[in-house]
């Protein structure tokens, strides 16, 4: 499982695991696969912009054109993709870093000092904090992996025999990609949405 760290912006992105019976080779086939006979386009509920089904299909086709599809036999890879973000039934995070947080808090209460001050650099106390934090992190990752596996098992049958791809879209000030990131463009095919905020 991947854990995001460092700078996180206010914009969001979502990745999708999508499955096709046959991989569309042209825009019109992709459009038919995603939208059937609907020619009206998709309306963005946020700002009433109407996006062309052709443009959406073209974008999805471009996004998968240089990728090799996988099948459900690549289960580990699929579960890792699910676990890379937030998904339905994501584990409760209230316990995250509970051991290391409690140790740091107790240290402050006892000494009146901050464990992360320069005075405690390279000390057994700081090392113990990091040992506990790793323990917390390992438990967190295990819980997320279990939840991601359960989610995948609930979807697995719908992806049976499908050609599977991963695609991602980012929020971008009302653009087509922003609409695709939060929209329902994959409602006619098997898909799983993973949110990255």
N, C-alpha and C. Protein backbone atom coordinates (compact mmCIF):
# COMPACT_ATOMS: atom_id res chain seq x y z
N UNK A 1 0.83 -1.18 0.00
CA UNK A 1 0.00 0.00 0.00
C UNK A 1 0.87 1.24 0.00
N UNK A 2 0.48 2.26 -0.79
CA UNK A 2 1.23 3.50 -0.82
C UNK A 2 0.65 4.46 0.20
N UNK A 3 1.51 5.22 0.88
CA UNK A 3 1.05 6.24 1.82
C UNK A 3 1.56 7.58 1.32
N UNK A 4 0.65 8.54 1.17
CA UNK A 4 1.07 9.87 0.72
C UNK A 4 1.69 10.63 1.87
N UNK A 5 2.77 11.32 1.59
CA UNK A 5 3.37 12.18 2.60
C UNK A 5 3.87 13.44 1.92
N UNK A 6 4.29 14.41 2.72
CA UNK A 6 4.79 15.65 2.14
C UNK A 6 3.66 16.59 1.82
N UNK A 7 3.90 17.51 0.88
CA UNK A 7 2.94 18.55 0.53
C UNK A 7 1.70 17.97 -0.13
N UNK A 8 0.54 18.35 0.36
CA UNK A 8 -0.72 17.94 -0.25
C UNK A 8 -1.51 19.20 -0.58
N UNK A 9 -1.89 19.36 -1.84
CA UNK A 9 -2.60 20.56 -2.26
C UNK A 9 -4.09 20.42 -1.96
N UNK A 10 -4.85 21.51 -2.16
CA UNK A 10 -6.28 21.49 -1.95
C UNK A 10 -7.02 20.80 -3.09
N UNK A 11 -6.38 20.62 -4.22
CA UNK A 11 -7.06 19.97 -5.33
C UNK A 11 -7.12 18.47 -5.07
N UNK A 12 -8.08 17.82 -5.71
CA UNK A 12 -8.24 16.39 -5.49
C UNK A 12 -8.08 15.65 -6.81
N UNK A 13 -7.90 14.37 -6.69
CA UNK A 13 -7.86 13.53 -7.88
C UNK A 13 -8.51 12.21 -7.53
N UNK A 14 -8.91 11.49 -8.55
CA UNK A 14 -9.46 10.16 -8.37
C UNK A 14 -8.86 9.24 -9.40
N UNK A 15 -8.60 8.02 -8.98
CA UNK A 15 -8.22 7.01 -9.95
C UNK A 15 -9.38 6.03 -10.07
N UNK A 16 -9.47 5.41 -11.23
CA UNK A 16 -10.55 4.47 -11.50
C UNK A 16 -9.95 3.17 -12.01
N UNK A 17 -10.49 2.08 -11.53
CA UNK A 17 -10.20 0.77 -12.10
C UNK A 17 -11.39 0.47 -12.99
N UNK A 18 -11.15 0.31 -14.28
CA UNK A 18 -12.25 0.13 -15.23
C UNK A 18 -12.04 -1.17 -16.02
N UNK A 19 -13.14 -1.78 -16.44
CA UNK A 19 -13.06 -3.04 -17.17
C UNK A 19 -13.88 -3.02 -18.44
N UNK A 20 -13.32 -3.56 -19.51
CA UNK A 20 -13.99 -3.65 -20.80
C UNK A 20 -14.08 -5.11 -21.24
N UNK A 21 -15.19 -5.46 -21.90
CA UNK A 21 -15.28 -6.78 -22.53
C UNK A 21 -14.22 -6.90 -23.62
N UNK A 22 -14.18 -5.89 -24.46
CA UNK A 22 -13.15 -5.76 -25.51
C UNK A 22 -12.63 -4.34 -25.44
N UNK A 23 -11.35 -4.16 -25.67
CA UNK A 23 -10.76 -2.83 -25.58
C UNK A 23 -11.19 -2.01 -26.81
N UNK A 24 -11.90 -0.89 -26.62
CA UNK A 24 -12.28 -0.05 -27.75
C UNK A 24 -11.05 0.47 -28.49
N UNK A 25 -11.09 0.40 -29.82
CA UNK A 25 -9.92 0.80 -30.62
C UNK A 25 -10.09 2.18 -31.24
N UNK A 26 -11.30 2.74 -31.20
CA UNK A 26 -11.53 4.07 -31.78
C UNK A 26 -12.51 4.83 -30.90
N UNK A 27 -12.61 6.13 -31.13
CA UNK A 27 -13.41 7.00 -30.26
C UNK A 27 -14.89 6.63 -30.31
N UNK A 28 -15.42 6.33 -31.48
CA UNK A 28 -16.85 6.01 -31.59
C UNK A 28 -17.20 4.73 -30.84
N UNK A 29 -16.32 3.74 -30.89
CA UNK A 29 -16.56 2.50 -30.14
C UNK A 29 -16.49 2.77 -28.64
N UNK A 30 -15.52 3.60 -28.22
CA UNK A 30 -15.43 3.96 -26.81
C UNK A 30 -16.69 4.72 -26.37
N UNK A 31 -17.14 5.64 -27.21
CA UNK A 31 -18.35 6.43 -26.89
C UNK A 31 -19.55 5.50 -26.73
N UNK A 32 -19.69 4.54 -27.61
CA UNK A 32 -20.81 3.59 -27.55
C UNK A 32 -20.69 2.73 -26.29
N UNK A 33 -19.46 2.33 -25.95
CA UNK A 33 -19.24 1.50 -24.76
C UNK A 33 -19.61 2.26 -23.49
N UNK A 34 -19.21 3.53 -23.42
CA UNK A 34 -19.43 4.32 -22.21
C UNK A 34 -20.85 4.88 -22.10
N UNK A 35 -21.44 5.24 -23.25
CA UNK A 35 -22.70 6.00 -23.20
C UNK A 35 -23.84 5.38 -24.00
N UNK A 36 -23.62 4.25 -24.65
CA UNK A 36 -24.67 3.65 -25.46
C UNK A 36 -25.05 4.57 -26.60
N UNK A 37 -26.35 4.77 -26.80
CA UNK A 37 -26.84 5.62 -27.88
C UNK A 37 -27.07 7.07 -27.45
N UNK A 38 -26.70 7.40 -26.23
CA UNK A 38 -26.90 8.76 -25.72
C UNK A 38 -26.00 9.75 -26.46
N UNK A 39 -26.59 10.71 -27.11
CA UNK A 39 -25.84 11.73 -27.86
C UNK A 39 -25.91 13.10 -27.19
N UNK A 40 -26.57 13.18 -26.03
CA UNK A 40 -26.80 14.50 -25.43
C UNK A 40 -25.59 15.05 -24.69
N UNK A 41 -24.66 14.21 -24.32
CA UNK A 41 -23.52 14.66 -23.54
C UNK A 41 -23.81 14.56 -22.06
N UNK A 42 -22.82 14.93 -21.26
CA UNK A 42 -22.95 14.84 -19.81
C UNK A 42 -22.89 16.24 -19.20
N UNK A 43 -23.86 16.53 -18.35
CA UNK A 43 -23.94 17.84 -17.71
C UNK A 43 -23.25 17.81 -16.36
N UNK A 44 -22.43 18.80 -16.11
CA UNK A 44 -21.74 18.94 -14.82
C UNK A 44 -22.70 19.59 -13.84
N UNK A 45 -23.03 18.88 -12.76
CA UNK A 45 -23.98 19.40 -11.77
C UNK A 45 -23.44 20.62 -11.03
N UNK A 46 -22.12 20.82 -11.04
CA UNK A 46 -21.53 21.93 -10.31
C UNK A 46 -21.71 23.26 -11.02
N UNK A 47 -21.56 23.26 -12.34
CA UNK A 47 -21.62 24.54 -13.05
C UNK A 47 -22.46 24.50 -14.33
N UNK A 48 -23.23 23.42 -14.53
CA UNK A 48 -24.13 23.26 -15.68
C UNK A 48 -23.43 23.20 -17.03
N UNK A 49 -22.12 23.02 -17.05
CA UNK A 49 -21.42 22.85 -18.32
C UNK A 49 -21.82 21.51 -18.93
N UNK A 50 -22.06 21.50 -20.23
CA UNK A 50 -22.39 20.27 -20.94
C UNK A 50 -21.14 19.79 -21.67
N UNK A 51 -20.69 18.58 -21.34
CA UNK A 51 -19.50 18.02 -21.98
C UNK A 51 -19.91 16.99 -23.02
N UNK A 52 -19.25 17.04 -24.14
CA UNK A 52 -19.54 16.14 -25.25
C UNK A 52 -19.12 14.71 -24.90
N UNK A 53 -20.00 13.75 -25.18
CA UNK A 53 -19.64 12.35 -24.97
C UNK A 53 -18.46 11.95 -25.84
N UNK A 54 -18.36 12.56 -27.00
CA UNK A 54 -17.24 12.27 -27.91
C UNK A 54 -15.92 12.70 -27.26
N UNK A 55 -15.90 13.91 -26.68
CA UNK A 55 -14.67 14.41 -26.04
C UNK A 55 -14.27 13.57 -24.83
N UNK A 56 -15.28 13.15 -24.05
CA UNK A 56 -15.00 12.29 -22.90
C UNK A 56 -14.42 10.96 -23.38
N UNK A 57 -15.07 10.36 -24.37
CA UNK A 57 -14.61 9.07 -24.91
C UNK A 57 -13.21 9.19 -25.49
N UNK A 58 -12.94 10.30 -26.16
CA UNK A 58 -11.61 10.52 -26.74
C UNK A 58 -10.55 10.58 -25.64
N UNK A 59 -10.88 11.26 -24.55
CA UNK A 59 -9.92 11.36 -23.44
C UNK A 59 -9.65 9.99 -22.82
N UNK A 60 -10.70 9.21 -22.57
CA UNK A 60 -10.52 7.88 -21.98
C UNK A 60 -9.71 6.99 -22.92
N UNK A 61 -10.02 7.05 -24.22
CA UNK A 61 -9.28 6.25 -25.19
C UNK A 61 -7.80 6.62 -25.18
N UNK A 62 -7.50 7.91 -25.14
CA UNK A 62 -6.10 8.35 -25.07
C UNK A 62 -5.43 7.85 -23.80
N UNK A 63 -6.18 7.84 -22.70
CA UNK A 63 -5.61 7.43 -21.42
C UNK A 63 -5.27 5.94 -21.35
N UNK A 64 -5.96 5.12 -22.12
CA UNK A 64 -5.66 3.68 -22.08
C UNK A 64 -4.84 3.22 -23.28
N UNK A 65 -4.67 4.08 -24.28
CA UNK A 65 -4.06 3.63 -25.54
C UNK A 65 -2.62 3.15 -25.41
N UNK A 66 -1.87 3.68 -24.45
CA UNK A 66 -0.47 3.26 -24.29
C UNK A 66 -0.29 2.29 -23.13
N UNK A 67 -1.40 1.74 -22.62
CA UNK A 67 -1.33 0.82 -21.49
C UNK A 67 -1.72 -0.59 -21.93
N UNK A 68 -1.09 -1.54 -21.28
CA UNK A 68 -1.45 -2.94 -21.52
C UNK A 68 -2.49 -3.34 -20.48
N UNK A 69 -3.62 -3.91 -20.92
CA UNK A 69 -4.65 -4.29 -19.94
C UNK A 69 -4.17 -5.43 -19.06
N UNK A 70 -4.77 -5.50 -17.87
CA UNK A 70 -4.51 -6.63 -16.98
C UNK A 70 -5.83 -7.37 -16.78
N UNK A 71 -5.75 -8.52 -16.14
CA UNK A 71 -6.95 -9.30 -15.83
C UNK A 71 -7.04 -9.45 -14.32
N UNK A 72 -8.11 -10.11 -13.87
CA UNK A 72 -8.29 -10.28 -12.42
C UNK A 72 -7.21 -11.15 -11.81
N UNK A 73 -6.42 -11.83 -12.62
CA UNK A 73 -5.30 -12.62 -12.07
C UNK A 73 -4.24 -11.72 -11.43
N UNK A 74 -4.23 -10.43 -11.79
CA UNK A 74 -3.29 -9.47 -11.20
C UNK A 74 -3.90 -8.84 -9.95
N UNK A 75 -4.48 -9.70 -9.13
CA UNK A 75 -5.23 -9.26 -7.95
C UNK A 75 -4.39 -8.39 -7.01
N UNK A 76 -3.16 -8.76 -6.77
CA UNK A 76 -2.31 -8.00 -5.85
C UNK A 76 -2.15 -6.56 -6.33
N UNK A 77 -1.93 -6.40 -7.62
CA UNK A 77 -1.77 -5.07 -8.21
C UNK A 77 -3.06 -4.25 -8.08
N UNK A 78 -4.19 -4.89 -8.29
CA UNK A 78 -5.49 -4.21 -8.19
C UNK A 78 -5.76 -3.78 -6.75
N UNK A 79 -5.49 -4.67 -5.79
CA UNK A 79 -5.70 -4.34 -4.38
C UNK A 79 -4.77 -3.20 -3.96
N UNK A 80 -3.54 -3.22 -4.45
CA UNK A 80 -2.61 -2.13 -4.14
C UNK A 80 -3.13 -0.79 -4.68
N UNK A 81 -3.70 -0.81 -5.89
CA UNK A 81 -4.27 0.41 -6.46
C UNK A 81 -5.43 0.91 -5.61
N UNK A 82 -6.29 0.02 -5.18
CA UNK A 82 -7.41 0.42 -4.31
C UNK A 82 -6.87 1.03 -3.02
N UNK A 83 -5.86 0.39 -2.43
CA UNK A 83 -5.30 0.84 -1.16
C UNK A 83 -4.47 2.10 -1.26
N UNK A 84 -4.26 2.62 -2.46
CA UNK A 84 -3.44 3.83 -2.62
C UNK A 84 -4.21 5.11 -2.30
N UNK A 85 -5.50 4.99 -2.07
CA UNK A 85 -6.31 6.17 -1.76
C UNK A 85 -7.45 5.80 -0.84
N UNK A 86 -8.48 6.62 -0.84
CA UNK A 86 -9.65 6.39 0.00
C UNK A 86 -10.73 5.72 -0.83
N UNK A 87 -11.45 4.80 -0.21
CA UNK A 87 -12.45 4.02 -0.93
C UNK A 87 -13.58 3.69 0.03
N UNK A 88 -14.68 3.14 -0.50
CA UNK A 88 -15.79 2.74 0.35
C UNK A 88 -15.29 1.77 1.43
N UNK A 89 -15.75 1.96 2.65
CA UNK A 89 -15.36 1.12 3.80
C UNK A 89 -13.88 1.27 4.17
N UNK A 90 -13.30 2.45 3.90
CA UNK A 90 -11.93 2.72 4.33
C UNK A 90 -11.88 2.65 5.85
N UNK A 91 -10.83 2.06 6.43
CA UNK A 91 -10.79 1.90 7.90
C UNK A 91 -10.84 3.24 8.65
N UNK A 92 -11.45 3.19 9.82
CA UNK A 92 -11.51 4.35 10.70
C UNK A 92 -10.10 4.74 11.10
N UNK A 93 -9.77 6.02 10.95
CA UNK A 93 -8.41 6.48 11.22
C UNK A 93 -8.22 7.03 12.63
N UNK A 94 -9.23 6.93 13.48
CA UNK A 94 -9.11 7.51 14.82
C UNK A 94 -7.97 6.90 15.62
N UNK A 95 -7.60 5.67 15.31
CA UNK A 95 -6.54 4.99 16.06
C UNK A 95 -5.16 5.21 15.45
N UNK A 96 -5.08 5.86 14.28
CA UNK A 96 -3.82 5.98 13.56
C UNK A 96 -2.76 6.67 14.44
N UNK A 97 -1.59 6.08 14.53
CA UNK A 97 -0.46 6.56 15.33
C UNK A 97 -0.80 6.64 16.82
N UNK A 98 -1.66 5.75 17.27
CA UNK A 98 -2.10 5.81 18.66
C UNK A 98 -0.97 5.54 19.65
N UNK A 99 -0.09 4.58 19.37
CA UNK A 99 1.00 4.26 20.30
C UNK A 99 2.01 5.40 20.35
N UNK A 100 2.45 5.85 19.16
CA UNK A 100 3.47 6.89 19.11
C UNK A 100 2.93 8.22 19.63
N UNK A 101 1.67 8.51 19.35
CA UNK A 101 1.05 9.75 19.85
C UNK A 101 0.99 9.73 21.37
N UNK A 102 0.56 8.59 21.92
CA UNK A 102 0.45 8.46 23.39
C UNK A 102 1.82 8.57 24.04
N UNK A 103 2.83 7.97 23.43
CA UNK A 103 4.18 8.04 23.98
C UNK A 103 4.69 9.48 23.98
N UNK A 104 4.46 10.19 22.87
CA UNK A 104 4.90 11.59 22.77
C UNK A 104 4.18 12.46 23.80
N UNK A 105 2.88 12.25 23.94
CA UNK A 105 2.08 13.03 24.90
C UNK A 105 2.54 12.77 26.33
N UNK A 106 2.79 11.49 26.67
CA UNK A 106 3.25 11.15 28.01
C UNK A 106 4.63 11.76 28.29
N UNK A 107 5.50 11.74 27.28
CA UNK A 107 6.84 12.34 27.42
C UNK A 107 6.73 13.83 27.74
N UNK A 108 5.84 14.53 27.01
CA UNK A 108 5.64 15.98 27.24
C UNK A 108 5.10 16.24 28.64
N UNK A 109 4.13 15.40 29.06
CA UNK A 109 3.54 15.58 30.39
C UNK A 109 4.56 15.35 31.50
N UNK A 110 5.43 14.38 31.32
CA UNK A 110 6.44 14.06 32.35
C UNK A 110 7.56 15.09 32.41
N UNK A 111 8.04 15.50 31.25
CA UNK A 111 9.25 16.33 31.20
C UNK A 111 8.97 17.81 30.96
N UNK A 112 7.78 18.10 30.40
CA UNK A 112 7.49 19.49 30.02
C UNK A 112 8.25 19.91 28.77
N UNK A 113 8.88 18.95 28.09
CA UNK A 113 9.68 19.26 26.91
C UNK A 113 9.14 18.54 25.68
N UNK A 114 9.54 19.04 24.54
CA UNK A 114 9.12 18.44 23.27
C UNK A 114 10.17 17.42 22.82
N UNK A 115 9.73 16.22 22.57
CA UNK A 115 10.60 15.15 22.13
C UNK A 115 11.32 15.48 20.82
N UNK A 116 10.77 16.42 20.05
CA UNK A 116 11.36 16.75 18.74
C UNK A 116 12.25 17.99 18.79
N UNK A 117 12.56 18.44 20.00
CA UNK A 117 13.52 19.54 20.12
C UNK A 117 14.91 18.97 19.85
N UNK A 118 15.84 19.86 19.54
CA UNK A 118 17.22 19.43 19.24
C UNK A 118 17.86 18.69 20.42
N UNK A 119 17.38 18.96 21.64
CA UNK A 119 17.94 18.30 22.82
C UNK A 119 17.78 16.78 22.78
N UNK A 120 16.77 16.29 22.05
CA UNK A 120 16.48 14.86 22.06
C UNK A 120 16.82 14.17 20.73
N UNK A 121 17.57 14.87 19.89
CA UNK A 121 18.00 14.27 18.63
C UNK A 121 18.96 13.11 18.94
N UNK A 122 18.77 11.98 18.24
CA UNK A 122 19.63 10.79 18.43
C UNK A 122 19.63 10.27 19.86
N UNK A 123 18.48 10.32 20.51
CA UNK A 123 18.37 9.79 21.87
C UNK A 123 17.52 8.52 21.86
N UNK A 124 17.64 7.69 22.90
CA UNK A 124 16.79 6.49 22.99
C UNK A 124 15.30 6.84 22.99
N UNK A 125 14.95 7.98 23.58
CA UNK A 125 13.53 8.40 23.63
C UNK A 125 12.99 8.65 22.23
N UNK A 126 13.78 9.34 21.42
CA UNK A 126 13.34 9.62 20.03
C UNK A 126 13.28 8.31 19.24
N UNK A 127 14.26 7.44 19.43
CA UNK A 127 14.26 6.14 18.74
C UNK A 127 13.04 5.31 19.11
N UNK A 128 12.66 5.35 20.39
CA UNK A 128 11.47 4.61 20.83
C UNK A 128 10.21 5.16 20.17
N UNK A 129 10.14 6.49 20.05
CA UNK A 129 8.99 7.10 19.37
C UNK A 129 8.89 6.56 17.94
N UNK A 130 10.02 6.56 17.22
CA UNK A 130 10.00 6.11 15.83
C UNK A 130 9.70 4.61 15.71
N UNK A 131 10.14 3.83 16.70
CA UNK A 131 9.80 2.41 16.70
C UNK A 131 8.28 2.23 16.84
N UNK A 132 7.69 2.98 17.76
CA UNK A 132 6.24 2.91 17.96
C UNK A 132 5.48 3.42 16.74
N UNK A 133 6.03 4.47 16.13
CA UNK A 133 5.36 5.02 14.93
C UNK A 133 5.38 4.00 13.79
N UNK A 134 6.48 3.29 13.61
CA UNK A 134 6.55 2.24 12.59
C UNK A 134 5.54 1.14 12.89
N UNK A 135 5.43 0.78 14.16
CA UNK A 135 4.45 -0.23 14.57
C UNK A 135 3.03 0.24 14.23
N UNK A 136 2.74 1.50 14.55
CA UNK A 136 1.43 2.08 14.20
C UNK A 136 1.20 2.04 12.69
N UNK A 137 2.23 2.47 11.95
CA UNK A 137 2.11 2.54 10.50
C UNK A 137 1.89 1.16 9.89
N UNK A 138 2.61 0.16 10.39
CA UNK A 138 2.45 -1.21 9.87
C UNK A 138 1.03 -1.73 10.13
N UNK A 139 0.51 -1.42 11.33
CA UNK A 139 -0.85 -1.85 11.63
C UNK A 139 -1.87 -1.14 10.74
N UNK A 140 -1.65 0.14 10.53
CA UNK A 140 -2.52 0.93 9.65
C UNK A 140 -2.52 0.35 8.24
N UNK A 141 -1.33 0.09 7.71
CA UNK A 141 -1.24 -0.45 6.35
C UNK A 141 -1.93 -1.80 6.25
N UNK A 142 -1.76 -2.64 7.27
CA UNK A 142 -2.40 -3.95 7.26
C UNK A 142 -3.92 -3.82 7.23
N UNK A 143 -4.46 -2.89 8.02
CA UNK A 143 -5.92 -2.68 8.04
C UNK A 143 -6.42 -2.18 6.69
N UNK A 144 -5.69 -1.25 6.08
CA UNK A 144 -6.10 -0.73 4.78
C UNK A 144 -6.03 -1.83 3.72
N UNK A 145 -4.98 -2.62 3.75
CA UNK A 145 -4.85 -3.72 2.78
C UNK A 145 -5.98 -4.73 2.91
N UNK A 146 -6.36 -5.04 4.15
CA UNK A 146 -7.48 -5.97 4.38
C UNK A 146 -8.77 -5.38 3.83
N UNK A 147 -9.02 -4.10 4.13
CA UNK A 147 -10.24 -3.44 3.65
C UNK A 147 -10.25 -3.35 2.12
N UNK A 148 -9.09 -3.05 1.52
CA UNK A 148 -9.00 -2.98 0.05
C UNK A 148 -9.27 -4.35 -0.56
N UNK A 149 -8.75 -5.39 0.07
CA UNK A 149 -9.00 -6.75 -0.41
C UNK A 149 -10.47 -7.12 -0.33
N UNK A 150 -11.13 -6.73 0.76
CA UNK A 150 -12.57 -6.99 0.90
C UNK A 150 -13.37 -6.26 -0.16
N UNK A 151 -12.98 -5.00 -0.41
CA UNK A 151 -13.69 -4.24 -1.44
C UNK A 151 -13.51 -4.91 -2.80
N UNK A 152 -12.26 -5.30 -3.11
CA UNK A 152 -12.01 -5.96 -4.39
C UNK A 152 -12.84 -7.24 -4.51
N UNK A 153 -12.92 -8.03 -3.43
CA UNK A 153 -13.70 -9.26 -3.48
C UNK A 153 -15.18 -9.00 -3.77
N UNK A 154 -15.68 -7.85 -3.31
CA UNK A 154 -17.09 -7.53 -3.57
C UNK A 154 -17.33 -7.12 -5.03
N UNK A 155 -16.27 -6.69 -5.74
CA UNK A 155 -16.39 -6.28 -7.14
C UNK A 155 -15.86 -7.32 -8.13
N UNK A 156 -15.09 -8.25 -7.63
CA UNK A 156 -14.32 -9.16 -8.48
C UNK A 156 -15.15 -9.84 -9.57
N UNK A 157 -16.32 -10.32 -9.22
CA UNK A 157 -17.16 -11.03 -10.20
C UNK A 157 -17.54 -10.14 -11.37
N UNK A 158 -17.71 -8.84 -11.13
CA UNK A 158 -18.10 -7.94 -12.23
C UNK A 158 -16.95 -7.69 -13.20
N UNK A 159 -15.71 -7.97 -12.75
CA UNK A 159 -14.54 -7.79 -13.61
C UNK A 159 -14.08 -9.10 -14.26
N UNK A 160 -14.78 -10.18 -13.98
CA UNK A 160 -14.42 -11.48 -14.54
C UNK A 160 -14.42 -11.41 -16.08
N UNK A 161 -13.31 -11.82 -16.69
CA UNK A 161 -13.20 -11.83 -18.15
C UNK A 161 -12.97 -10.47 -18.78
N UNK A 162 -12.85 -9.41 -17.97
CA UNK A 162 -12.69 -8.06 -18.52
C UNK A 162 -11.21 -7.71 -18.72
N UNK A 163 -10.99 -6.76 -19.61
CA UNK A 163 -9.68 -6.14 -19.79
C UNK A 163 -9.66 -4.94 -18.86
N UNK A 164 -8.74 -4.93 -17.90
CA UNK A 164 -8.76 -3.95 -16.82
C UNK A 164 -7.66 -2.90 -17.01
N UNK A 165 -8.04 -1.63 -16.77
CA UNK A 165 -7.10 -0.51 -16.85
C UNK A 165 -7.25 0.36 -15.61
N UNK A 166 -6.18 1.09 -15.29
CA UNK A 166 -6.22 2.13 -14.26
C UNK A 166 -6.11 3.47 -14.98
N UNK A 167 -7.01 4.40 -14.66
CA UNK A 167 -6.93 5.77 -15.19
C UNK A 167 -7.10 6.75 -14.04
N UNK A 168 -6.58 7.96 -14.20
CA UNK A 168 -6.66 8.98 -13.15
C UNK A 168 -7.05 10.32 -13.72
N UNK A 169 -7.81 11.10 -12.93
CA UNK A 169 -8.22 12.44 -13.32
C UNK A 169 -8.11 13.37 -12.12
N UNK A 170 -7.70 14.62 -12.38
CA UNK A 170 -7.49 15.59 -11.31
C UNK A 170 -8.45 16.76 -11.45
N UNK A 171 -8.81 17.31 -10.30
CA UNK A 171 -9.65 18.51 -10.28
C UNK A 171 -8.87 19.66 -10.90
N UNK A 172 -9.52 20.40 -11.79
CA UNK A 172 -8.77 21.44 -12.51
C UNK A 172 -9.68 22.58 -12.93
N UNK A 173 -10.22 23.30 -11.96
CA UNK A 173 -11.01 24.52 -12.22
C UNK A 173 -12.09 24.38 -13.28
N UNK A 174 -12.93 23.39 -13.16
CA UNK A 174 -14.08 23.29 -14.05
C UNK A 174 -13.80 22.72 -15.42
N UNK A 175 -12.61 22.17 -15.62
CA UNK A 175 -12.27 21.61 -16.92
C UNK A 175 -12.94 20.25 -17.11
N UNK A 176 -12.79 19.70 -18.31
CA UNK A 176 -13.30 18.37 -18.60
C UNK A 176 -12.71 17.35 -17.62
N UNK A 177 -11.43 17.46 -17.33
CA UNK A 177 -10.80 16.50 -16.43
C UNK A 177 -11.39 16.59 -15.03
N UNK A 178 -11.69 17.79 -14.58
CA UNK A 178 -12.30 17.97 -13.27
C UNK A 178 -13.67 17.28 -13.23
N UNK A 179 -14.43 17.43 -14.30
CA UNK A 179 -15.73 16.77 -14.39
C UNK A 179 -15.56 15.25 -14.35
N UNK A 180 -14.58 14.75 -15.09
CA UNK A 180 -14.35 13.31 -15.14
C UNK A 180 -13.91 12.78 -13.78
N UNK A 181 -13.18 13.60 -13.02
CA UNK A 181 -12.71 13.18 -11.70
C UNK A 181 -13.86 12.93 -10.74
N UNK A 182 -14.93 13.69 -10.85
CA UNK A 182 -16.03 13.54 -9.89
C UNK A 182 -17.31 13.00 -10.53
N UNK A 183 -17.30 12.79 -11.84
CA UNK A 183 -18.50 12.40 -12.56
C UNK A 183 -18.79 10.91 -12.56
N UNK A 184 -19.77 10.56 -13.34
CA UNK A 184 -20.22 9.16 -13.40
C UNK A 184 -20.04 8.61 -14.81
N UNK A 185 -18.94 8.93 -15.43
CA UNK A 185 -18.74 8.55 -16.83
C UNK A 185 -18.57 7.05 -17.04
N UNK A 186 -18.28 6.33 -15.96
CA UNK A 186 -18.06 4.89 -16.10
C UNK A 186 -19.24 4.06 -15.60
N UNK A 187 -20.42 4.67 -15.50
CA UNK A 187 -21.55 3.97 -14.89
C UNK A 187 -22.02 2.75 -15.68
N UNK A 188 -21.69 2.68 -16.97
CA UNK A 188 -22.15 1.55 -17.79
C UNK A 188 -21.15 0.40 -17.84
N UNK A 189 -19.98 0.58 -17.26
CA UNK A 189 -18.98 -0.50 -17.27
C UNK A 189 -18.52 -0.77 -15.83
N UNK A 190 -17.95 -1.94 -15.57
CA UNK A 190 -17.44 -2.20 -14.22
C UNK A 190 -16.36 -1.18 -13.86
N UNK A 191 -16.46 -0.62 -12.68
CA UNK A 191 -15.47 0.37 -12.26
C UNK A 191 -15.44 0.48 -10.74
N UNK A 192 -14.28 0.90 -10.25
CA UNK A 192 -14.09 1.21 -8.83
C UNK A 192 -13.42 2.58 -8.79
N UNK A 193 -13.94 3.48 -7.97
CA UNK A 193 -13.35 4.80 -7.82
C UNK A 193 -12.53 4.85 -6.53
N UNK A 194 -11.32 5.39 -6.64
CA UNK A 194 -10.45 5.58 -5.48
C UNK A 194 -10.14 7.07 -5.40
N UNK A 195 -10.44 7.67 -4.27
CA UNK A 195 -10.25 9.11 -4.11
C UNK A 195 -8.87 9.40 -3.52
N UNK A 196 -8.22 10.43 -4.06
CA UNK A 196 -6.91 10.88 -3.56
C UNK A 196 -7.04 12.36 -3.22
N UNK A 197 -7.16 12.68 -1.95
CA UNK A 197 -7.34 14.09 -1.54
C UNK A 197 -6.12 14.57 -0.78
